[in-house]
Amino acid sequence: MNTQAPLFTPRPDGAYDISAPGVLLILADHLYGEDNDHISQAGFNLISEALAKLFKAASAGGFVQGDILMTLLVRGEVSQRVKTMAVQACAAAGDKAITELFTTLRSKVRR
């Protein structure tokens, strides 16, 4: 039985509520997806730094499959295994680290 919360939840207004693991997958897709030629060098650096911080926090929280998850993300794999690992990585990173990371990203993007 899969009781994992959804990564992307549609809202009545047509937008989505996105969980932290969902954001992780979106950020990885911006860097490594097929359609990544639209991203500037500054954007690439910002997202790379954010992912590195997230993986560092996840490792500090006990997530030991960071290298495997990153390899799968670079390859563009978005299987159930990758989704589960993204959830585990974000859980290990913890709410405080995730909140700080997203706050930093938001402030840098709005400049």
Protein backbone atom coordinates (compact mmCIF):
# COMPACT_ATOMS: atom_id res chain seq x y z
CA MET A 1 0.00 0.00 0.00
CA ASN A 2 1.39 3.41 -0.97
CA THR A 3 0.55 6.09 1.57
CA GLN A 4 3.02 8.65 0.24
CA ALA A 5 1.56 12.14 0.01
CA PRO A 6 1.24 13.49 -3.54
CA LEU A 7 4.10 15.61 -4.84
CA PHE A 8 1.77 17.76 -6.95
CA THR A 9 -1.81 18.45 -5.91
CA PRO A 10 -4.13 20.21 -8.38
CA ARG A 11 -6.16 23.11 -7.02
CA PRO A 12 -9.59 24.29 -8.19
CA ASP A 13 -8.01 27.41 -9.74
CA GLY A 14 -5.91 25.27 -12.10
CA ALA A 15 -2.63 25.80 -10.23
CA TYR A 16 -0.84 23.18 -8.13
CA ASP A 17 0.30 22.87 -4.56
CA ILE A 18 3.80 21.45 -4.74
CA SER A 19 5.52 19.58 -1.93
CA ALA A 20 9.22 19.97 -1.15
CA PRO A 21 10.08 16.71 -2.97
CA GLY A 22 8.10 17.99 -5.94
CA VAL A 23 10.18 21.16 -5.95
CA LEU A 24 13.33 19.01 -5.81
CA LEU A 25 12.19 17.20 -8.96
CA ILE A 26 11.34 20.46 -10.72
CA LEU A 27 14.71 22.01 -9.86
CA ALA A 28 16.52 18.92 -11.12
CA ASP A 29 14.49 18.98 -14.33
CA HIS A 30 15.47 22.62 -14.89
CA LEU A 31 19.11 21.63 -14.69
CA TYR A 32 19.16 18.24 -16.36
CA GLY A 33 15.97 18.02 -18.40
CA GLU A 34 15.89 17.94 -22.18
CA ASP A 35 14.59 21.50 -22.38
CA ASN A 36 17.20 23.21 -20.22
CA ASP A 37 18.70 25.55 -22.80
CA HIS A 38 16.44 28.36 -21.54
CA ILE A 39 18.23 28.62 -18.18
CA SER A 40 20.84 31.34 -17.70
CA GLN A 41 24.20 30.66 -16.12
CA ALA A 42 23.08 32.57 -13.02
CA GLY A 43 19.94 30.43 -12.83
CA PHE A 44 21.96 27.27 -13.33
CA ASN A 45 24.32 28.29 -10.52
CA LEU A 46 21.45 29.21 -8.20
CA ILE A 47 19.66 25.90 -8.71
CA SER A 48 22.90 23.89 -8.47
CA GLU A 49 23.70 25.58 -5.17
CA ALA A 50 20.18 24.96 -3.86
CA LEU A 51 20.32 21.27 -4.74
CA ALA A 52 23.75 20.95 -3.14
CA LYS A 53 22.45 22.53 0.07
CA LEU A 54 19.40 20.28 0.07
CA PHE A 55 21.52 17.16 -0.42
CA LYS A 56 23.95 18.30 2.28
CA ALA A 57 21.08 18.78 4.75
CA ALA A 58 19.62 15.41 3.74
CA SER A 59 22.97 13.73 4.32
CA ALA A 60 23.29 15.40 7.71
CA GLY A 61 19.81 14.06 8.50
CA GLY A 62 20.84 10.51 7.67
CA PHE A 63 19.93 10.18 3.99
CA VAL A 64 22.66 7.96 2.54
CA GLN A 65 21.46 7.60 -1.06
CA GLY A 66 22.22 11.15 -2.19
CA ASP A 67 24.71 10.07 -4.85
CA ILE A 68 22.28 7.54 -6.26
CA LEU A 69 19.41 10.01 -6.30
CA MET A 70 21.54 12.68 -7.96
CA THR A 71 22.69 10.22 -10.63
CA LEU A 72 19.10 9.27 -11.39
CA LEU A 73 18.06 12.94 -11.53
CA VAL A 74 20.91 13.78 -13.91
CA ARG A 75 19.76 10.92 -16.13
CA GLY A 76 16.26 12.40 -16.16
CA GLU A 77 14.64 9.45 -14.43
CA VAL A 78 11.37 10.24 -12.68
CA SER A 79 10.30 6.77 -11.59
CA GLN A 80 8.45 5.87 -8.42
CA ARG A 81 11.86 5.01 -6.96
CA VAL A 82 13.12 8.55 -7.63
CA LYS A 83 9.96 10.08 -6.19
CA THR A 84 10.28 7.97 -3.05
CA MET A 85 13.94 8.90 -2.69
CA ALA A 86 13.09 12.59 -3.13
CA VAL A 87 10.55 12.29 -0.32
CA GLN A 88 13.12 10.53 1.87
CA ALA A 89 15.79 13.14 1.11
CA CYS A 90 13.49 16.03 2.00
CA ALA A 91 12.31 14.28 5.16
CA ALA A 92 15.92 13.72 6.22
CA ALA A 93 16.80 17.35 5.45
CA GLY A 94 14.01 18.44 7.75
CA ASP A 95 11.45 21.20 7.64
CA LYS A 96 13.80 23.87 9.00
CA ALA A 97 16.46 23.31 6.33
CA ILE A 98 13.84 23.09 3.56
CA THR A 99 12.17 26.31 4.73
CA GLU A 100 15.50 28.15 4.91
CA LEU A 101 16.46 26.90 1.47
CA PHE A 102 13.16 27.95 -0.14
CA THR A 103 13.28 31.33 1.61
CA THR A 104 16.78 31.91 0.26
CA LEU A 105 15.76 30.84 -3.24
CA ARG A 106 12.69 33.08 -3.16
CA SER A 107 14.74 36.10 -2.07
CA LYS A 108 17.37 35.54 -4.77
CA VAL A 109 14.81 35.06 -7.53
CA ARG A 110 12.89 38.21 -6.61
CA ARG A 111 15.91 40.51 -6.84
